[in-house]
Amino acid sequence: MFNKISKIELQALKTIRKHLFDFGKTPSVRELMRELDYKSPRSASVIINDLEKKGLLSRKQDGSFQLLEFEITENFGTREQTIKIPLLGSVACGLPIFAEENVEAEIPISIKLIKKGHKYFLLRAKGDSMDDAGINEGDLVLIRQQQHAENKDKVVALIDDEATIKEYHHTGKLVVLKPRSKNKKYQPIILSDEFRIQGIVEAVISL
């Protein structure tokens, strides 16, 4: 695929991927223009349209775009077998966490990290509420979709339409989601036993 695109297009793809890592979203046309040091947004728009035609970007309903090919390389040697896992952006109000509207990119993950018969997604960690559990700001967290957990599992919870990662504890009719942080400002979240989790943390990928 990448031997069919120009050096300028390859540079744009790498820039888009870096922006996605740094800011949790793909750049706008004007942001891409500035990062590529162009003088006109039209130049960036043309590149985006060309990459879309080549199946490397996909435009979303809100006008933003999704990066379809995350593994950008100019080397084509033998590599480990992978499967593409969606990296989710912000969770829109009323939408399930793994809705298509939330997908920012698809990232190749080794099949050795994936259990057969399960669905997975990736989230980017924000803040330091789980740093004592090895999850730091900017890490990618591989999540296995399921709605049950065991005590002390690290889970993804959807609370007030926002995704959060916490340590799960179920006692009696209460669910307690505990932070694991050196920062004492974080407090446990106490919920009813009707609460349902979104997934279990399977792996943490530090970038």
Foldseek 3Di string as FASTA:
>chain_A
DVVPDDPLLLVLLVVQLVCCLVPVAGDDLVVSCVVSVHPDSVVSVVSQVVCVVVVQWAADPVRGIAGEDNDRDPDDDDDADWDWAFEFGAQDPPDPRPDPNGGRYTDTDHCVLPDPPWHKHKYADDDFQAVQVVRDHSKIWIWTFDWDDDAQFWFWFQDPRGTDTFGWDDDDQKIWGHTDGPDVVDGIDIDGNVGTTGTTTRDIGDD
